[in-house]
Amino acid sequence: MKANMKFLTYLSVYKAFILKIVLSLEYVHFDHKCRDIASLIPILTLNVESLNKCVEQCWLRQEYRSVIFKRLFPICELYSVDVSELQPAKLGTSCTVIPREDIRLDGSEVIESNE
């Protein structure tokens, strides 16, 4: 499944203007039933409110290779290896797996504001 999201990266002040930089990410994800992959320990576990926030965290941290978003909790687990190959083929909706290589910068936008 393909998805697109926008998020605010940072605010910058330039010549008395506040510049808001908005990036757009595109990613491909696969929903699976959660499976215990106890042999792998996530490098970072975050409490996030959405899949998009989980993808954003993975994209901002270049050292991670994949992400698992557990919808029921919601928890975002970042891994240093690609865990997509370890997930079962049976589809479900409790976990979403996204390899880092499937997250791409789709565009950016600079918005001037005099606030």
PDB file of N, CA and C in Angstrom:
ATOM      1  N   MET A   1       0.840  -1.163   0.000  1.00  0.00           N
ATOM      2  CA  MET A   1       0.000   0.000   0.000  1.00  0.00           C
ATOM      3  C   MET A   1       0.892   1.235   0.000  1.00  0.00           C
ATOM      4  N   LYS A   2       0.554   2.213  -0.824  1.00  0.00           N
ATOM      5  CA  LYS A   2       1.331   3.436  -0.924  1.00  0.00           C
ATOM      6  C   LYS A   2       0.654   4.536  -0.115  1.00  0.00           C
ATOM      7  N   ALA A   3       1.443   5.345   0.568  1.00  0.00           N
ATOM      8  CA  ALA A   3       0.892   6.449   1.355  1.00  0.00           C
ATOM      9  C   ALA A   3       1.767   7.681   1.170  1.00  0.00           C
ATOM     10  N   ASN A   4       1.173   8.844   1.417  1.00  0.00           N
ATOM     11  CA  ASN A   4       1.897  10.095   1.314  1.00  0.00           C
ATOM     12  C   ASN A   4       1.587  10.917   2.549  1.00  0.00           C
ATOM     13  N   MET A   5       2.570  11.601   3.097  1.00  0.00           N
ATOM     14  CA  MET A   5       2.347  12.404   4.287  1.00  0.00           C
ATOM     15  C   MET A   5       3.154  13.682   4.216  1.00  0.00           C
ATOM     16  N   LYS A   6       2.720  14.692   4.932  1.00  0.00           N
ATOM     17  CA  LYS A   6       3.476  15.930   5.067  1.00  0.00           C
ATOM     18  C   LYS A   6       3.744  16.154   6.533  1.00  0.00           C
ATOM     19  N   PHE A   7       4.910  16.702   6.850  1.00  0.00           N
ATOM     20  CA  PHE A   7       5.196  17.030   8.232  1.00  0.00           C
ATOM     21  C   PHE A   7       6.112  18.236   8.295  1.00  0.00           C
ATOM     22  N   LEU A   8       6.047  18.923   9.394  1.00  0.00           N
ATOM     23  CA  LEU A   8       6.875  20.094   9.626  1.00  0.00           C
ATOM     24  C   LEU A   8       8.234  19.652  10.127  1.00  0.00           C
ATOM     25  N   THR A   9       9.293  20.080   9.463  1.00  0.00           N
ATOM     26  CA  THR A   9      10.615  19.725   9.953  1.00  0.00           C
ATOM     27  C   THR A   9      11.145  20.776  10.916  1.00  0.00           C
ATOM     28  N   TYR A  10      11.123  22.028  10.519  1.00  0.00           N
ATOM     29  CA  TYR A  10      11.642  23.046  11.423  1.00  0.00           C
ATOM     30  C   TYR A  10      11.191  24.438  11.015  1.00  0.00           C
ATOM     31  N   LEU A  11      11.345  25.375  11.932  1.00  0.00           N
ATOM     32  CA  LEU A  11      11.105  26.792  11.674  1.00  0.00           C
ATOM     33  C   LEU A  11      12.453  27.481  11.604  1.00  0.00           C
ATOM     34  N   SER A  12      12.581  28.420  10.717  1.00  0.00           N
ATOM     35  CA  SER A  12      13.827  29.152  10.560  1.00  0.00           C
ATOM     36  C   SER A  12      13.515  30.646  10.449  1.00  0.00           C
ATOM     37  N   VAL A  13      14.361  31.474  11.025  1.00  0.00           N
ATOM     38  CA  VAL A  13      14.180  32.926  10.922  1.00  0.00           C
ATOM     39  C   VAL A  13      15.198  33.454   9.925  1.00  0.00           C
ATOM     40  N   TYR A  14      14.698  34.186   8.941  1.00  0.00           N
ATOM     41  CA  TYR A  14      15.552  34.746   7.909  1.00  0.00           C
ATOM     42  C   TYR A  14      15.071  36.147   7.583  1.00  0.00           C
ATOM     43  N   LYS A  15      15.893  37.156   7.850  1.00  0.00           N
ATOM     44  CA  LYS A  15      15.564  38.558   7.579  1.00  0.00           C
ATOM     45  C   LYS A  15      14.195  38.936   8.125  1.00  0.00           C
ATOM     46  N   ALA A  16      13.972  38.668   9.381  1.00  0.00           N
ATOM     47  CA  ALA A  16      12.741  39.004  10.111  1.00  0.00           C
ATOM     48  C   ALA A  16      11.522  38.211   9.641  1.00  0.00           C
ATOM     49  N   PHE A  17      11.705  37.232   8.809  1.00  0.00           N
ATOM     50  CA  PHE A  17      10.617  36.354   8.389  1.00  0.00           C
ATOM     51  C   PHE A  17      10.802  34.995   9.051  1.00  0.00           C
ATOM     52  N   ILE A  18       9.706  34.401   9.413  1.00  0.00           N
ATOM     53  CA  ILE A  18       9.747  33.030   9.914  1.00  0.00           C
ATOM     54  C   ILE A  18       9.448  32.124   8.728  1.00  0.00           C
ATOM     55  N   LEU A  19      10.367  31.242   8.443  1.00  0.00           N
ATOM     56  CA  LEU A  19      10.181  30.298   7.346  1.00  0.00           C
ATOM     57  C   LEU A  19       9.799  28.947   7.921  1.00  0.00           C
ATOM     58  N   LYS A  20       8.721  28.408   7.436  1.00  0.00           N
ATOM     59  CA  LYS A  20       8.291  27.073   7.850  1.00  0.00           C
ATOM     60  C   LYS A  20       8.617  26.116   6.710  1.00  0.00           C
ATOM     61  N   ILE A  21       9.424  25.115   6.987  1.00  0.00           N
ATOM     62  CA  ILE A  21       9.820  24.134   5.981  1.00  0.00           C
ATOM     63  C   ILE A  21       8.954  22.891   6.165  1.00  0.00           C
ATOM     64  N   VAL A  22       8.217  22.551   5.135  1.00  0.00           N
ATOM     65  CA  VAL A  22       7.344  21.380   5.186  1.00  0.00           C
ATOM     66  C   VAL A  22       7.844  20.367   4.168  1.00  0.00           C
ATOM     67  N   LEU A  23       8.124  19.156   4.634  1.00  0.00           N
ATOM     68  CA  LEU A  23       8.569  18.085   3.754  1.00  0.00           C
ATOM     69  C   LEU A  23       7.432  17.111   3.519  1.00  0.00           C
ATOM     70  N   SER A  24       7.431  16.524   2.355  1.00  0.00           N
ATOM     71  CA  SER A  24       6.440  15.516   2.015  1.00  0.00           C
ATOM     72  C   SER A  24       7.163  14.189   1.805  1.00  0.00           C
ATOM     73  N   LEU A  25       6.726  13.165   2.525  1.00  0.00           N
ATOM     74  CA  LEU A  25       7.317  11.830   2.390  1.00  0.00           C
ATOM     75  C   LEU A  25       6.317  10.897   1.734  1.00  0.00           C
ATOM     76  N   GLU A  26       6.834   9.980   0.944  1.00  0.00           N
ATOM     77  CA  GLU A  26       6.008   8.933   0.346  1.00  0.00           C
ATOM     78  C   GLU A  26       6.592   7.611   0.813  1.00  0.00           C
ATOM     79  N   TYR A  27       5.739   6.662   1.143  1.00  0.00           N
ATOM     80  CA  TYR A  27       6.257   5.372   1.599  1.00  0.00           C
ATOM     81  C   TYR A  27       5.308   4.246   1.208  1.00  0.00           C
ATOM     82  N   VAL A  28       5.878   3.060   1.126  1.00  0.00           N
ATOM     83  CA  VAL A  28       5.125   1.845   0.841  1.00  0.00           C
ATOM     84  C   VAL A  28       5.130   1.022   2.117  1.00  0.00           C
ATOM     85  N   HIS A  29       3.948   0.538   2.518  1.00  0.00           N
ATOM     86  CA  HIS A  29       3.915  -0.265   3.740  1.00  0.00           C
ATOM     87  C   HIS A  29       3.065  -1.508   3.550  1.00  0.00           C
ATOM     88  N   PHE A  30       3.320  -2.478   4.399  1.00  0.00           N
ATOM     89  CA  PHE A  30       2.616  -3.746   4.357  1.00  0.00           C
ATOM     90  C   PHE A  30       2.064  -4.042   5.740  1.00  0.00           C
ATOM     91  N   ASP A  31       0.788  -4.384   5.811  1.00  0.00           N
ATOM     92  CA  ASP A  31       0.164  -4.722   7.081  1.00  0.00           C
ATOM     93  C   ASP A  31       0.239  -6.233   7.289  1.00  0.00           C
ATOM     94  N   HIS A  32       0.607  -6.619   8.496  1.00  0.00           N
ATOM     95  CA  HIS A  32       0.760  -8.027   8.858  1.00  0.00           C
ATOM     96  C   HIS A  32       0.148  -8.261  10.229  1.00  0.00           C
ATOM     97  N   LYS A  33      -0.052  -9.522  10.519  1.00  0.00           N
ATOM     98  CA  LYS A  33      -0.327  -9.877  11.908  1.00  0.00           C
ATOM     99  C   LYS A  33       1.009  -9.791  12.631  1.00  0.00           C
ATOM    100  N   CYS A  34       0.991  -9.253  13.839  1.00  0.00           N
ATOM    101  CA  CYS A  34       2.246  -9.136  14.590  1.00  0.00           C
ATOM    102  C   CYS A  34       2.811 -10.518  14.887  1.00  0.00           C
ATOM    103  N   ARG A  35       4.099 -10.621  14.791  1.00  0.00           N
ATOM    104  CA  ARG A  35       4.794 -11.879  15.061  1.00  0.00           C
ATOM    105  C   ARG A  35       5.935 -11.587  16.014  1.00  0.00           C
ATOM    106  N   ASP A  36       6.163 -12.471  16.915  1.00  0.00           N
ATOM    107  CA  ASP A  36       7.243 -12.289  17.870  1.00  0.00           C
ATOM    108  C   ASP A  36       8.574 -12.522  17.168  1.00  0.00           C
ATOM    109  N   ILE A  37       9.375 -11.489  17.113  1.00  0.00           N
ATOM    110  CA  ILE A  37      10.716 -11.632  16.559  1.00  0.00           C
ATOM    111  C   ILE A  37      11.703 -11.364  17.697  1.00  0.00           C
ATOM    112  N   ALA A  38      11.601 -12.192  18.703  1.00  0.00           N
ATOM    113  CA  ALA A  38      12.374 -12.019  19.934  1.00  0.00           C
ATOM    114  C   ALA A  38      13.882 -12.053  19.712  1.00  0.00           C
ATOM    115  N   SER A  39      14.305 -12.649  18.610  1.00  0.00           N
ATOM    116  CA  SER A  39      15.743 -12.695  18.348  1.00  0.00           C
ATOM    117  C   SER A  39      16.290 -11.316  17.996  1.00  0.00           C
ATOM    118  N   LEU A  40      15.400 -10.398  17.604  1.00  0.00           N
ATOM    119  CA  LEU A  40      15.814  -9.036  17.288  1.00  0.00           C
ATOM    120  C   LEU A  40      15.254  -8.070  18.321  1.00  0.00           C
ATOM    121  N   ILE A  41      16.098  -7.243  18.831  1.00  0.00           N
ATOM    122  CA  ILE A  41      15.665  -6.234  19.798  1.00  0.00           C
ATOM    123  C   ILE A  41      15.678  -4.891  19.091  1.00  0.00           C
ATOM    124  N   PRO A  42      14.576  -4.138  19.166  1.00  0.00           N
ATOM    125  CA  PRO A  42      14.575  -2.833  18.503  1.00  0.00           C
ATOM    126  C   PRO A  42      15.629  -1.919  19.120  1.00  0.00           C
ATOM    127  N   ILE A  43      16.241  -1.124  18.290  1.00  0.00           N
ATOM    128  CA  ILE A  43      17.239  -0.166  18.760  1.00  0.00           C
ATOM    129  C   ILE A  43      16.551   0.970  19.510  1.00  0.00           C
ATOM    130  N   LEU A  44      15.366   1.337  19.037  1.00  0.00           N
ATOM    131  CA  LEU A  44      14.625   2.438  19.643  1.00  0.00           C
ATOM    132  C   LEU A  44      13.140   2.125  19.611  1.00  0.00           C
ATOM    133  N   THR A  45      12.464   2.323  20.735  1.00  0.00           N
ATOM    134  CA  THR A  45      11.017   2.135  20.822  1.00  0.00           C
ATOM    135  C   THR A  45      10.409   3.467  21.236  1.00  0.00           C
ATOM    136  N   LEU A  46       9.417   3.927  20.464  1.00  0.00           N
ATOM    137  CA  LEU A  46       8.784   5.221  20.704  1.00  0.00           C
ATOM    138  C   LEU A  46       7.276   5.070  20.832  1.00  0.00           C
ATOM    139  N   ASN A  47       6.674   5.859  21.703  1.00  0.00           N
ATOM    140  CA  ASN A  47       5.216   5.967  21.741  1.00  0.00           C
ATOM    141  C   ASN A  47       4.827   7.085  20.787  1.00  0.00           C
ATOM    142  N   VAL A  48       4.075   6.751  19.766  1.00  0.00           N
ATOM    143  CA  VAL A  48       3.650   7.736  18.767  1.00  0.00           C
ATOM    144  C   VAL A  48       2.152   7.605  18.557  1.00  0.00           C
ATOM    145  N   GLU A  49       1.546   8.649  17.984  1.00  0.00           N
ATOM    146  CA  GLU A  49       0.098   8.605  17.810  1.00  0.00           C
ATOM    147  C   GLU A  49      -0.354   8.084  16.445  1.00  0.00           C
ATOM    148  N   SER A  50       0.576   7.921  15.498  1.00  0.00           N
ATOM    149  CA  SER A  50       0.144   7.477  14.168  1.00  0.00           C
ATOM    150  C   SER A  50       1.295   6.809  13.411  1.00  0.00           C
ATOM    151  N   LEU A  51       0.916   6.108  12.360  1.00  0.00           N
ATOM    152  CA  LEU A  51       1.889   5.499  11.459  1.00  0.00           C
ATOM    153  C   LEU A  51       2.761   6.578  10.821  1.00  0.00           C
ATOM    154  N   ASN A  52       2.171   7.696  10.431  1.00  0.00           N
ATOM    155  CA  ASN A  52       2.932   8.780   9.813  1.00  0.00           C
ATOM    156  C   ASN A  52       4.042   9.296  10.725  1.00  0.00           C
ATOM    157  N   LYS A  53       3.763   9.441  12.017  1.00  0.00           N
ATOM    158  CA  LYS A  53       4.785   9.891  12.967  1.00  0.00           C
ATOM    159  C   LYS A  53       5.907   8.859  13.084  1.00  0.00           C
ATOM    160  N   CYS A  54       5.557   7.597  13.014  1.00  0.00           N
ATOM    161  CA  CYS A  54       6.550   6.523  13.072  1.00  0.00           C
ATOM    162  C   CYS A  54       7.464   6.586  11.840  1.00  0.00           C
ATOM    163  N   VAL A  55       6.875   6.768  10.673  1.00  0.00           N
ATOM    164  CA  VAL A  55       7.642   6.889   9.434  1.00  0.00           C
ATOM    165  C   VAL A  55       8.556   8.110   9.497  1.00  0.00           C
ATOM    166  N   GLU A  56       8.029   9.212  10.003  1.00  0.00           N
ATOM    167  CA  GLU A  56       8.823  10.436  10.144  1.00  0.00           C
ATOM    168  C   GLU A  56      10.057  10.196  11.012  1.00  0.00           C
ATOM    169  N   GLN A  57       9.879   9.494  12.139  1.00  0.00           N
ATOM    170  CA  GLN A  57      10.999   9.225  13.044  1.00  0.00           C
ATOM    171  C   GLN A  57      12.060   8.351  12.379  1.00  0.00           C
ATOM    172  N   CYS A  58      11.641   7.381  11.599  1.00  0.00           N
ATOM    173  CA  CYS A  58      12.585   6.520  10.887  1.00  0.00           C
ATOM    174  C   CYS A  58      13.341   7.317   9.828  1.00  0.00           C
ATOM    175  N   TRP A  59      12.632   8.168   9.100  1.00  0.00           N
ATOM    176  CA  TRP A  59      13.254   8.952   8.038  1.00  0.00           C
ATOM    177  C   TRP A  59      14.265   9.958   8.606  1.00  0.00           C
ATOM    178  N   LEU A  60      13.949  10.545   9.752  1.00  0.00           N
ATOM    179  CA  LEU A  60      14.842  11.533  10.356  1.00  0.00           C
ATOM    180  C   LEU A  60      16.107  10.906  10.938  1.00  0.00           C
ATOM    181  N   ARG A  61      16.035   9.638  11.271  1.00  0.00           N
ATOM    182  CA  ARG A  61      17.178   8.931  11.870  1.00  0.00           C
ATOM    183  C   ARG A  61      17.753   7.960  10.835  1.00  0.00           C
ATOM    184  N   GLN A  62      18.760   8.394  10.141  1.00  0.00           N
ATOM    185  CA  GLN A  62      19.311   7.664   8.999  1.00  0.00           C
ATOM    186  C   GLN A  62      19.911   6.295   9.339  1.00  0.00           C
ATOM    187  N   GLU A  63      20.235   6.056  10.607  1.00  0.00           N
ATOM    188  CA  GLU A  63      20.903   4.800  10.965  1.00  0.00           C
ATOM    189  C   GLU A  63      19.968   3.591  11.022  1.00  0.00           C
ATOM    190  N   TYR A  64      18.660   3.811  10.914  1.00  0.00           N
ATOM    191  CA  TYR A  64      17.713   2.702  11.012  1.00  0.00           C
ATOM    192  C   TYR A  64      17.363   2.149   9.647  1.00  0.00           C
ATOM    193  N   ARG A  65      17.161   0.827   9.568  1.00  0.00           N
ATOM    194  CA  ARG A  65      16.901   0.142   8.290  1.00  0.00           C
ATOM    195  C   ARG A  65      15.426  -0.215   8.089  1.00  0.00           C
ATOM    196  N   SER A  66      14.650  -0.275   9.193  1.00  0.00           N
ATOM    197  CA  SER A  66      13.235  -0.610   9.053  1.00  0.00           C
ATOM    198  C   SER A  66      12.480  -0.210  10.312  1.00  0.00           C
ATOM    199  N   VAL A  67      11.170  -0.232  10.168  1.00  0.00           N
ATOM    200  CA  VAL A  67      10.305   0.185  11.262  1.00  0.00           C
ATOM    201  C   VAL A  67       9.107  -0.763  11.340  1.00  0.00           C
ATOM    202  N   ILE A  68       8.669  -1.040  12.555  1.00  0.00           N
ATOM    203  CA  ILE A  68       7.418  -1.771  12.782  1.00  0.00           C
ATOM    204  C   ILE A  68       6.532  -0.871  13.632  1.00  0.00           C
ATOM    205  N   PHE A  69       5.326  -0.625  13.132  1.00  0.00           N
ATOM    206  CA  PHE A  69       4.349   0.171  13.875  1.00  0.00           C
ATOM    207  C   PHE A  69       3.277  -0.779  14.388  1.00  0.00           C
ATOM    208  N   LYS A  70       3.136  -0.858  15.708  1.00  0.00           N
ATOM    209  CA  LYS A  70       2.131  -1.725  16.329  1.00  0.00           C
ATOM    210  C   LYS A  70       0.903  -0.884  16.653  1.00  0.00           C
ATOM    211  N   ARG A  71      -0.139  -1.089  15.876  1.00  0.00           N
ATOM    212  CA  ARG A  71      -1.345  -0.251  15.943  1.00  0.00           C
ATOM    213  C   ARG A  71      -2.094  -0.330  17.272  1.00  0.00           C
ATOM    214  N   LEU A  72      -2.083  -1.474  17.918  1.00  0.00           N
ATOM    215  CA  LEU A  72      -2.889  -1.651  19.126  1.00  0.00           C
ATOM    216  C   LEU A  72      -2.367  -0.869  20.326  1.00  0.00           C
ATOM    217  N   PHE A  73      -1.076  -0.501  20.321  1.00  0.00           N
ATOM    218  CA  PHE A  73      -0.498   0.089  21.531  1.00  0.00           C
ATOM    219  C   PHE A  73      -0.484   1.609  21.570  1.00  0.00           C
ATOM    220  N   PRO A  74      -0.252   2.461  20.665  1.00  0.00           N
ATOM    221  CA  PRO A  74       0.573   2.367  19.457  1.00  0.00           C
ATOM    222  C   PRO A  74       2.047   2.586  19.784  1.00  0.00           C
ATOM    223  N   ILE A  75       2.864   1.707  19.240  1.00  0.00           N
ATOM    224  CA  ILE A  75       4.300   1.743  19.478  1.00  0.00           C
ATOM    225  C   ILE A  75       5.035   1.673  18.143  1.00  0.00           C
ATOM    226  N   CYS A  76       6.101   2.428  18.072  1.00  0.00           N
ATOM    227  CA  CYS A  76       6.955   2.456  16.888  1.00  0.00           C
ATOM    228  C   CYS A  76       8.296   1.846  17.276  1.00  0.00           C
ATOM    229  N   GLU A  77       8.684   0.782  16.580  1.00  0.00           N
ATOM    230  CA  GLU A  77       9.964   0.131  16.847  1.00  0.00           C
ATOM    231  C   GLU A  77      10.886   0.337  15.652  1.00  0.00           C
ATOM    232  N   LEU A  78      12.071   0.893  15.911  1.00  0.00           N
ATOM    233  CA  LEU A  78      13.053   1.137  14.857  1.00  0.00           C
ATOM    234  C   LEU A  78      14.170   0.104  14.981  1.00  0.00           C
ATOM    235  N   TYR A  79      14.546  -0.480  13.843  1.00  0.00           N
ATOM    236  CA  TYR A  79      15.536  -1.555  13.818  1.00  0.00           C
ATOM    237  C   TYR A  79      16.728  -1.190  12.936  1.00  0.00           C
ATOM    238  N   SER A  80      17.876  -1.739  13.267  1.00  0.00           N
ATOM    239  CA  SER A  80      19.081  -1.507  12.470  1.00  0.00           C
ATOM    240  C   SER A  80      19.193  -2.492  11.303  1.00  0.00           C
ATOM    241  N   VAL A  81      18.267  -3.440  11.214  1.00  0.00           N
ATOM    242  CA  VAL A  81      18.219  -4.406  10.111  1.00  0.00           C
ATOM    243  C   VAL A  81      16.837  -4.349   9.460  1.00  0.00           C
ATOM    244  N   ASP A  82      16.735  -4.892   8.254  1.00  0.00           N
ATOM    245  CA  ASP A  82      15.449  -4.932   7.553  1.00  0.00           C
ATOM    246  C   ASP A  82      14.624  -6.095   8.097  1.00  0.00           C
ATOM    247  N   VAL A  83      13.585  -5.799   8.862  1.00  0.00           N
ATOM    248  CA  VAL A  83      12.760  -6.845   9.461  1.00  0.00           C
ATOM    249  C   VAL A  83      11.604  -7.278   8.563  1.00  0.00           C
ATOM    250  N   SER A  84      11.448  -6.635   7.409  1.00  0.00           N
ATOM    251  CA  SER A  84      10.323  -6.980   6.530  1.00  0.00           C
ATOM    252  C   SER A  84      10.395  -8.430   6.052  1.00  0.00           C
ATOM    253  N   GLU A  85      11.580  -8.971   5.931  1.00  0.00           N
ATOM    254  CA  GLU A  85      11.743 -10.359   5.495  1.00  0.00           C
ATOM    255  C   GLU A  85      11.358 -11.354   6.586  1.00  0.00           C
ATOM    256  N   LEU A  86      11.321 -10.908   7.827  1.00  0.00           N
ATOM    257  CA  LEU A  86      11.008 -11.784   8.949  1.00  0.00           C
ATOM    258  C   LEU A  86       9.517 -11.842   9.261  1.00  0.00           C
ATOM    259  N   GLN A  87       8.738 -10.991   8.642  1.00  0.00           N
ATOM    260  CA  GLN A  87       7.309 -10.942   8.918  1.00  0.00           C
ATOM    261  C   GLN A  87       6.578 -12.041   8.142  1.00  0.00           C
ATOM    262  N   PRO A  88       5.488 -12.555   8.678  1.00  0.00           N
ATOM    263  CA  PRO A  88       4.734 -13.615   7.996  1.00  0.00           C
ATOM    264  C   PRO A  88       4.043 -13.091   6.740  1.00  0.00           C
ATOM    265  N   ALA A  89       3.774 -13.981   5.816  1.00  0.00           N
ATOM    266  CA  ALA A  89       3.100 -13.597   4.575  1.00  0.00           C
ATOM    267  C   ALA A  89       1.609 -13.349   4.796  1.00  0.00           C
ATOM    268  N   LYS A  90       1.048 -13.915   5.849  1.00  0.00           N
ATOM    269  CA  LYS A  90      -0.380 -13.777   6.124  1.00  0.00           C
ATOM    270  C   LYS A  90      -0.707 -12.326   6.491  1.00  0.00           C
ATOM    271  N   LEU A  91      -1.669 -11.749   5.789  1.00  0.00           N
ATOM    272  CA  LEU A  91      -2.023 -10.349   6.035  1.00  0.00           C
ATOM    273  C   LEU A  91      -2.925 -10.200   7.241  1.00  0.00           C
ATOM    274  N   GLY A  92      -2.765  -9.098   7.907  1.00  0.00           N
ATOM    275  CA  GLY A  92      -3.591  -8.701   9.034  1.00  0.00           C
ATOM    276  C   GLY A  92      -3.444  -7.199   9.162  1.00  0.00           C
ATOM    277  N   THR A  93      -3.903  -6.629  10.242  1.00  0.00           N
ATOM    278  CA  THR A  93      -3.777  -5.176  10.366  1.00  0.00           C
ATOM    279  C   THR A  93      -3.155  -4.741  11.687  1.00  0.00           C
ATOM    280  N   SER A  94      -2.641  -5.659  12.475  1.00  0.00           N
ATOM    281  CA  SER A  94      -2.134  -5.264  13.789  1.00  0.00           C
ATOM    282  C   SER A  94      -0.722  -4.681  13.751  1.00  0.00           C
ATOM    283  N   CYS A  95       0.081  -5.000  12.750  1.00  0.00           N
ATOM    284  CA  CYS A  95       1.431  -4.456  12.614  1.00  0.00           C
ATOM    285  C   CYS A  95       1.654  -3.951  11.197  1.00  0.00           C
ATOM    286  N   THR A  96       2.401  -2.877  11.093  1.00  0.00           N
ATOM    287  CA  THR A  96       2.786  -2.342   9.789  1.00  0.00           C
ATOM    288  C   THR A  96       4.297  -2.349   9.720  1.00  0.00           C
ATOM    289  N   VAL A  97       4.830  -2.890   8.642  1.00  0.00           N
ATOM    290  CA  VAL A  97       6.269  -3.012   8.458  1.00  0.00           C
ATOM    291  C   VAL A  97       6.683  -2.145   7.274  1.00  0.00           C
ATOM    292  N   ILE A  98       7.737  -1.329   7.488  1.00  0.00           N
ATOM    293  CA  ILE A  98       8.225  -0.466   6.417  1.00  0.00           C
ATOM    294  C   ILE A  98       9.749  -0.516   6.388  1.00  0.00           C
ATOM    295  N   PRO A  99      10.325  -1.030   5.297  1.00  0.00           N
ATOM    296  CA  PRO A  99      11.773  -0.947   5.143  1.00  0.00           C
ATOM    297  C   PRO A  99      12.186   0.505   4.867  1.00  0.00           C
ATOM    298  N   ARG A 100      13.322   0.913   5.342  1.00  0.00           N
ATOM    299  CA  ARG A 100      13.808   2.291   5.162  1.00  0.00           C
ATOM    300  C   ARG A 100      13.895   2.675   3.691  1.00  0.00           C
ATOM    301  N   GLU A 101      14.268   1.727   2.845  1.00  0.00           N
ATOM    302  CA  GLU A 101      14.411   2.009   1.412  1.00  0.00           C
ATOM    303  C   GLU A 101      13.081   2.338   0.733  1.00  0.00           C
ATOM    304  N   ASP A 102      11.962   2.038   1.401  1.00  0.00           N
ATOM    305  CA  ASP A 102      10.644   2.354   0.840  1.00  0.00           C
ATOM    306  C   ASP A 102      10.099   3.704   1.314  1.00  0.00           C
ATOM    307  N   ILE A 103      10.922   4.482   2.022  1.00  0.00           N
ATOM    308  CA  ILE A 103      10.528   5.827   2.452  1.00  0.00           C
ATOM    309  C   ILE A 103      11.321   6.821   1.618  1.00  0.00           C
ATOM    310  N   ARG A 104      10.618   7.685   0.881  1.00  0.00           N
ATOM    311  CA  ARG A 104      11.286   8.622  -0.023  1.00  0.00           C
ATOM    312  C   ARG A 104      10.786  10.046   0.201  1.00  0.00           C
ATOM    313  N   LEU A 105      11.688  10.989   0.015  1.00  0.00           N
ATOM    314  CA  LEU A 105      11.307  12.399   0.044  1.00  0.00           C
ATOM    315  C   LEU A 105      10.559  12.689  -1.246  1.00  0.00           C
ATOM    316  N   ASP A 106       9.329  13.158  -1.127  1.00  0.00           N
ATOM    317  CA  ASP A 106       8.482  13.402  -2.288  1.00  0.00           C
ATOM    318  C   ASP A 106       8.470  14.877  -2.686  1.00  0.00           C
ATOM    319  N   GLY A 107       8.909  15.757  -1.834  1.00  0.00           N
ATOM    320  CA  GLY A 107       8.937  17.177  -2.145  1.00  0.00           C
ATOM    321  C   GLY A 107       9.091  18.000  -0.886  1.00  0.00           C
ATOM    322  N   SER A 108       9.306  19.289  -1.078  1.00  0.00           N
ATOM    323  CA  SER A 108       9.398  20.197   0.061  1.00  0.00           C
ATOM    324  C   SER A 108       8.777  21.535  -0.314  1.00  0.00           C
ATOM    325  N   GLU A 109       8.430  22.283   0.692  1.00  0.00           N
ATOM    326  CA  GLU A 109       7.764  23.557   0.495  1.00  0.00           C
ATOM    327  C   GLU A 109       8.225  24.521   1.592  1.00  0.00           C
ATOM    328  N   VAL A 110       8.543  25.750   1.207  1.00  0.00           N
ATOM    329  CA  VAL A 110       8.911  26.788   2.156  1.00  0.00           C
ATOM    330  C   VAL A 110       7.759  27.773   2.225  1.00  0.00           C
ATOM    331  N   ILE A 111       7.279  28.021   3.438  1.00  0.00           N
ATOM    332  CA  ILE A 111       6.148  28.934   3.637  1.00  0.00           C
ATOM    333  C   ILE A 111       6.643  30.116   4.454  1.00  0.00           C
ATOM    334  N   GLU A 112       6.522  31.329   3.910  1.00  0.00           N
ATOM    335  CA  GLU A 112       6.926  32.537   4.634  1.00  0.00           C
ATOM    336  C   GLU A 112       5.784  32.987   5.541  1.00  0.00           C
ATOM    337  N   SER A 113       6.147  33.441   6.710  1.00  0.00           N
ATOM    338  CA  SER A 113       5.161  33.929   7.657  1.00  0.00           C
ATOM    339  C   SER A 113       5.756  35.109   8.420  1.00  0.00           C
ATOM    340  N   ASN A 114       4.969  36.098   8.705  1.00  0.00           N
ATOM    341  CA  ASN A 114       5.461  37.271   9.433  1.00  0.00           C
ATOM    342  C   ASN A 114       4.902  37.285  10.840  1.00  0.00           C
ATOM    343  N   GLU A 115       4.655  36.115  11.416  1.00  0.00           N
ATOM    344  CA  GLU A 115       4.072  36.002  12.747  1.00  0.00           C
ATOM    345  C   GLU A 115       5.057  36.335  13.828  1.00  0.00           C
TER     346      GLU A 115
END
